[in-house]
PDB file of N, CA and C in Angstrom:
ATOM      1  N   UNK A   1      -0.923  14.895  14.880  1.00  0.00           N
ATOM      2  CA  UNK A   1      -1.197  13.584  15.997  1.00  0.00           C
ATOM      3  C   UNK A   1      -2.396  13.111  16.126  1.00  0.00           C
ATOM      4  N   UNK A   2      -1.664  11.823  15.596  1.00  0.00           N
ATOM      5  CA  UNK A   2      -3.016  10.751  15.681  1.00  0.00           C
ATOM      6  C   UNK A   2      -4.257  11.361  17.150  1.00  0.00           C
ATOM      7  N   UNK A   3      -5.142  11.194  17.155  1.00  0.00           N
ATOM      8  CA  UNK A   3      -6.076  11.120  18.131  1.00  0.00           C
ATOM      9  C   UNK A   3      -6.632   9.601  18.827  1.00  0.00           C
ATOM     10  N   UNK A   4      -5.991   8.864  20.259  1.00  0.00           N
ATOM     11  CA  UNK A   4      -5.899   7.891  20.510  1.00  0.00           C
ATOM     12  C   UNK A   4      -6.807   7.830  22.496  1.00  0.00           C
ATOM     13  N   UNK A   5      -8.128   6.452  21.626  1.00  0.00           N
ATOM     14  CA  UNK A   5      -8.647   6.769  23.020  1.00  0.00           C
ATOM     15  C   UNK A   5      -8.683   5.323  23.555  1.00  0.00           C
ATOM     16  N   UNK A   6      -8.014   4.985  24.681  1.00  0.00           N
ATOM     17  CA  UNK A   6      -8.622   4.044  25.617  1.00  0.00           C
ATOM     18  C   UNK A   6      -8.878   3.693  26.613  1.00  0.00           C
ATOM     19  N   UNK A   7      -9.742   2.867  26.071  1.00  0.00           N
ATOM     20  CA  UNK A   7     -11.258   1.998  27.759  1.00  0.00           C
ATOM     21  C   UNK A   7     -11.002   0.776  27.590  1.00  0.00           C
ATOM     22  N   UNK A   8     -10.866   0.699  29.413  1.00  0.00           N
ATOM     23  CA  UNK A   8     -10.486  -0.909  29.900  1.00  0.00           C
ATOM     24  C   UNK A   8     -11.572  -0.544  30.884  1.00  0.00           C
ATOM     25  N   UNK A   9     -11.939  -2.404  30.579  1.00  0.00           N
ATOM     26  CA  UNK A   9     -13.490  -1.828  30.828  1.00  0.00           C
ATOM     27  C   UNK A   9     -14.661  -0.717  31.067  1.00  0.00           C
ATOM     28  N   UNK A  10     -14.614  -0.641  29.939  1.00  0.00           N
ATOM     29  CA  UNK A  10     -15.523  -0.113  29.429  1.00  0.00           C
ATOM     30  C   UNK A  10     -15.046   1.906  30.080  1.00  0.00           C
ATOM     31  N   UNK A  11     -14.553   2.158  30.570  1.00  0.00           N
ATOM     32  CA  UNK A  11     -13.767   3.296  31.107  1.00  0.00           C
ATOM     33  C   UNK A  11     -12.555   4.011  30.361  1.00  0.00           C
ATOM     34  N   UNK A  12     -12.997   4.761  30.281  1.00  0.00           N
ATOM     35  CA  UNK A  12     -11.883   5.985  29.520  1.00  0.00           C
ATOM     36  C   UNK A  12     -10.391   6.503  30.234  1.00  0.00           C
ATOM     37  N   UNK A  13      -9.678   5.687  29.897  1.00  0.00           N
ATOM     38  CA  UNK A  13      -7.896   6.254  30.412  1.00  0.00           C
ATOM     39  C   UNK A  13      -7.292   7.064  29.596  1.00  0.00           C
ATOM     40  N   UNK A  14      -7.149   8.099  30.372  1.00  0.00           N
ATOM     41  CA  UNK A  14      -6.751   9.518  29.696  1.00  0.00           C
ATOM     42  C   UNK A  14      -5.236   9.093  28.895  1.00  0.00           C
ATOM     43  N   UNK A  15      -4.804   9.397  28.002  1.00  0.00           N
ATOM     44  CA  UNK A  15      -3.054   9.517  28.179  1.00  0.00           C
ATOM     45  C   UNK A  15      -2.613  10.951  27.143  1.00  0.00           C
ATOM     46  N   UNK A  16      -1.722  10.395  28.230  1.00  0.00           N
ATOM     47  CA  UNK A  16      -0.734  12.091  27.289  1.00  0.00           C
ATOM     48  C   UNK A  16      -0.295  11.961  26.223  1.00  0.00           C
ATOM     49  N   UNK A  17       0.016  12.998  25.215  1.00  0.00           N
ATOM     50  CA  UNK A  17       0.244  12.920  23.835  1.00  0.00           C
ATOM     51  C   UNK A  17       1.601  11.990  23.711  1.00  0.00           C
ATOM     52  N   UNK A  18       2.297  11.987  24.447  1.00  0.00           N
ATOM     53  CA  UNK A  18       3.747  11.445  24.293  1.00  0.00           C
ATOM     54  C   UNK A  18       2.821  10.067  23.943  1.00  0.00           C
ATOM     55  N   UNK A  19       2.211   9.293  24.671  1.00  0.00           N
ATOM     56  CA  UNK A  19       1.297   7.664  25.247  1.00  0.00           C
ATOM     57  C   UNK A  19       0.778   7.371  24.055  1.00  0.00           C
ATOM     58  N   UNK A  20      -0.075   8.437  23.517  1.00  0.00           N
ATOM     59  CA  UNK A  20      -1.141   8.201  22.418  1.00  0.00           C
ATOM     60  C   UNK A  20      -0.143   8.639  21.239  1.00  0.00           C
ATOM     61  N   UNK A  21       0.500   9.111  20.701  1.00  0.00           N
ATOM     62  CA  UNK A  21       1.489   8.760  19.794  1.00  0.00           C
ATOM     63  C   UNK A  21       2.628   7.840  19.824  1.00  0.00           C
ATOM     64  N   UNK A  22       2.909   7.174  21.285  1.00  0.00           N
ATOM     65  CA  UNK A  22       3.624   5.823  20.702  1.00  0.00           C
ATOM     66  C   UNK A  22       2.500   4.707  20.724  1.00  0.00           C
ATOM     67  N   UNK A  23       1.535   4.851  20.854  1.00  0.00           N
ATOM     68  CA  UNK A  23       0.849   3.302  20.650  1.00  0.00           C
ATOM     69  C   UNK A  23       0.008   3.637  19.597  1.00  0.00           C
ATOM     70  N   UNK A  24      -0.141   4.695  18.669  1.00  0.00           N
ATOM     71  CA  UNK A  24      -0.412   4.919  17.512  1.00  0.00           C
ATOM     72  C   UNK A  24       0.934   4.348  16.542  1.00  0.00           C
ATOM     73  N   UNK A  25       1.549   4.693  16.558  1.00  0.00           N
ATOM     74  CA  UNK A  25       3.726   4.550  16.351  1.00  0.00           C
ATOM     75  C   UNK A  25       2.877   2.657  16.359  1.00  0.00           C
ATOM     76  N   UNK A  26       3.042   2.272  16.456  1.00  0.00           N
ATOM     77  CA  UNK A  26       3.408   0.502  17.051  1.00  0.00           C
ATOM     78  C   UNK A  26       2.790   0.610  16.994  1.00  0.00           C
ATOM     79  N   UNK A  27       0.828   0.438  16.211  1.00  0.00           N
ATOM     80  CA  UNK A  27      -0.319  -0.341  15.626  1.00  0.00           C
ATOM     81  C   UNK A  27      -0.203  -0.154  14.368  1.00  0.00           C
ATOM     82  N   UNK A  28       0.816   1.148  13.833  1.00  0.00           N
ATOM     83  CA  UNK A  28       0.854   1.712  12.936  1.00  0.00           C
ATOM     84  C   UNK A  28       1.931   0.866  11.756  1.00  0.00           C
ATOM     85  N   UNK A  29       2.645   0.386  13.187  1.00  0.00           N
ATOM     86  CA  UNK A  29       3.736  -0.215  12.228  1.00  0.00           C
ATOM     87  C   UNK A  29       4.073  -1.752  12.281  1.00  0.00           C
ATOM     88  N   UNK A  30       3.443  -1.958  13.727  1.00  0.00           N
ATOM     89  CA  UNK A  30       2.377  -3.476  12.950  1.00  0.00           C
ATOM     90  C   UNK A  30       1.981  -3.597  11.422  1.00  0.00           C
ATOM     91  N   UNK A  31       0.417  -2.125  11.709  1.00  0.00           N
ATOM     92  CA  UNK A  31      -0.618  -3.014  10.037  1.00  0.00           C
ATOM     93  C   UNK A  31       0.495  -2.533   8.654  1.00  0.00           C
ATOM     94  N   UNK A  32       1.219  -1.609   8.622  1.00  0.00           N
ATOM     95  CA  UNK A  32       1.850  -1.074   7.593  1.00  0.00           C
ATOM     96  C   UNK A  32       3.482  -2.644   6.874  1.00  0.00           C
ATOM     97  N   UNK A  33       3.065  -3.265   8.360  1.00  0.00           N
ATOM     98  CA  UNK A  33       4.387  -4.745   7.656  1.00  0.00           C
ATOM     99  C   UNK A  33       3.359  -5.769   7.285  1.00  0.00           C
ATOM    100  N   UNK A  34       1.734  -5.577   7.357  1.00  0.00           N
ATOM    101  CA  UNK A  34       0.607  -6.715   7.362  1.00  0.00           C
ATOM    102  C   UNK A  34       0.027  -6.745   6.045  1.00  0.00           C
ATOM    103  N   UNK A  35      -0.025  -8.342   5.235  1.00  0.00           N
ATOM    104  CA  UNK A  35      -0.040  -8.748   4.167  1.00  0.00           C
ATOM    105  C   UNK A  35      -1.886  -8.459   4.329  1.00  0.00           C
ATOM    106  N   UNK A  36      -2.148  -7.355   3.433  1.00  0.00           N
ATOM    107  CA  UNK A  36      -4.032  -6.898   2.992  1.00  0.00           C
ATOM    108  C   UNK A  36      -4.353  -5.369   3.670  1.00  0.00           C
ATOM    109  N   UNK A  37      -3.990  -5.246   4.773  1.00  0.00           N
ATOM    110  CA  UNK A  37      -3.723  -3.704   4.846  1.00  0.00           C
ATOM    111  C   UNK A  37      -3.429  -2.654   4.373  1.00  0.00           C
ATOM    112  N   UNK A  38      -5.090  -1.620   3.643  1.00  0.00           N
ATOM    113  CA  UNK A  38      -4.184  -0.744   2.039  1.00  0.00           C
ATOM    114  C   UNK A  38      -3.635  -0.401   2.986  1.00  0.00           C
ATOM    115  N   UNK A  39      -3.453   0.758   1.933  1.00  0.00           N
ATOM    116  CA  UNK A  39      -2.315   1.565   2.272  1.00  0.00           C
ATOM    117  C   UNK A  39      -2.110   2.794   2.897  1.00  0.00           C
ATOM    118  N   UNK A  40      -3.373   3.341   2.791  1.00  0.00           N
ATOM    119  CA  UNK A  40      -3.688   4.618   3.017  1.00  0.00           C
ATOM    120  C   UNK A  40      -4.952   4.217   4.574  1.00  0.00           C
ATOM    121  N   UNK A  41      -4.302   4.829   5.522  1.00  0.00           N
ATOM    122  CA  UNK A  41      -5.437   4.226   6.251  1.00  0.00           C
ATOM    123  C   UNK A  41      -5.572   5.476   7.334  1.00  0.00           C
ATOM    124  N   UNK A  42      -7.601   4.911   7.022  1.00  0.00           N
ATOM    125  CA  UNK A  42      -7.842   6.372   8.070  1.00  0.00           C
ATOM    126  C   UNK A  42      -8.065   6.388   9.612  1.00  0.00           C
ATOM    127  N   UNK A  43      -8.395   5.237   9.418  1.00  0.00           N
ATOM    128  CA  UNK A  43      -9.030   5.136  11.085  1.00  0.00           C
ATOM    129  C   UNK A  43      -8.336   3.331  10.855  1.00  0.00           C
ATOM    130  N   UNK A  44      -9.204   3.047  12.884  1.00  0.00           N
ATOM    131  CA  UNK A  44      -8.187   2.152  12.899  1.00  0.00           C
ATOM    132  C   UNK A  44      -8.964   1.620  14.508  1.00  0.00           C
ATOM    133  N   UNK A  45      -9.870   0.512  14.689  1.00  0.00           N
ATOM    134  CA  UNK A  45     -10.743   0.115  15.823  1.00  0.00           C
ATOM    135  C   UNK A  45     -10.294  -1.147  16.060  1.00  0.00           C
ATOM    136  N   UNK A  46      -9.692  -1.706  17.401  1.00  0.00           N
ATOM    137  CA  UNK A  46      -8.926  -2.410  17.970  1.00  0.00           C
ATOM    138  C   UNK A  46     -10.177  -2.990  19.378  1.00  0.00           C
ATOM    139  N   UNK A  47     -10.404  -3.955  19.103  1.00  0.00           N
ATOM    140  CA  UNK A  47     -11.419  -4.147  20.568  1.00  0.00           C
ATOM    141  C   UNK A  47     -11.222  -5.522  20.763  1.00  0.00           C
ATOM    142  N   UNK A  48     -10.389  -5.223  22.324  1.00  0.00           N
ATOM    143  CA  UNK A  48     -10.183  -6.998  22.740  1.00  0.00           C
ATOM    144  C   UNK A  48     -10.692  -7.301  23.256  1.00  0.00           C
ATOM    145  N   UNK A  49     -11.095  -8.265  23.639  1.00  0.00           N
ATOM    146  CA  UNK A  49     -12.241  -9.202  25.013  1.00  0.00           C
ATOM    147  C   UNK A  49     -11.706 -10.314  24.811  1.00  0.00           C
ATOM    148  N   UNK A  50     -10.925 -10.209  26.979  1.00  0.00           N
ATOM    149  CA  UNK A  50      -9.707 -11.208  27.427  1.00  0.00           C
ATOM    150  C   UNK A  50     -10.963 -12.134  27.938  1.00  0.00           C
TER     151      UNK A  50
END
Protein backbone atom coordinates (compact mmCIF):
# COMPACT_ATOMS: atom_id res chain seq x y z
CA UNK A 1 0.00 0.00 0.00
CA UNK A 2 1.30 3.48 -0.81
CA UNK A 3 2.28 5.77 2.04
CA UNK A 4 0.33 9.05 1.79
CA UNK A 5 1.00 12.04 4.05
CA UNK A 6 -1.47 14.92 3.98
CA UNK A 7 -0.59 18.28 5.52
CA UNK A 8 -2.90 21.29 5.66
CA UNK A 9 -1.44 24.59 6.87
CA UNK A 10 1.68 22.66 7.95
CA UNK A 11 -0.45 20.37 10.16
CA UNK A 12 -0.40 16.62 9.45
CA UNK A 13 -3.85 15.18 8.88
CA UNK A 14 -4.14 11.49 9.83
CA UNK A 15 -5.56 9.29 7.08
CA UNK A 16 -6.92 5.78 7.51
CA UNK A 17 -5.57 3.12 5.15
CA UNK A 18 -8.66 3.34 2.94
CA UNK A 19 -8.28 7.10 2.48
CA UNK A 20 -4.54 6.78 1.74
CA UNK A 21 -5.20 4.19 -0.93
CA UNK A 22 -8.09 6.14 -2.45
CA UNK A 23 -6.08 9.38 -2.66
CA UNK A 24 -3.08 7.57 -4.16
CA UNK A 25 -5.24 5.86 -6.78
CA UNK A 26 -6.89 9.13 -7.82
CA UNK A 27 -3.50 10.81 -8.29
CA UNK A 28 -1.93 7.80 -10.04
CA UNK A 29 -4.90 7.51 -12.41
CA UNK A 30 -4.52 11.16 -13.37
CA UNK A 31 -0.75 10.92 -13.85
CA UNK A 32 -0.83 7.72 -15.89
CA UNK A 33 -3.05 9.44 -18.43
CA UNK A 34 -0.84 12.54 -18.56
CA UNK A 35 1.66 12.85 -21.39
CA UNK A 36 5.31 13.06 -20.31
CA UNK A 37 4.95 11.24 -16.99
CA UNK A 38 7.31 8.24 -16.78
CA UNK A 39 5.81 4.73 -16.63
CA UNK A 40 7.83 3.81 -13.55
CA UNK A 41 6.57 6.23 -10.87
CA UNK A 42 8.49 5.85 -7.58
CA UNK A 43 7.29 8.87 -5.64
CA UNK A 44 5.13 11.94 -6.15
CA UNK A 45 5.20 15.30 -4.41
CA UNK A 46 2.32 17.74 -4.79
CA UNK A 47 2.40 21.17 -3.18
CA UNK A 48 -0.70 23.36 -3.49
CA UNK A 49 -0.44 26.98 -2.43
CA UNK A 50 -3.88 28.54 -2.32
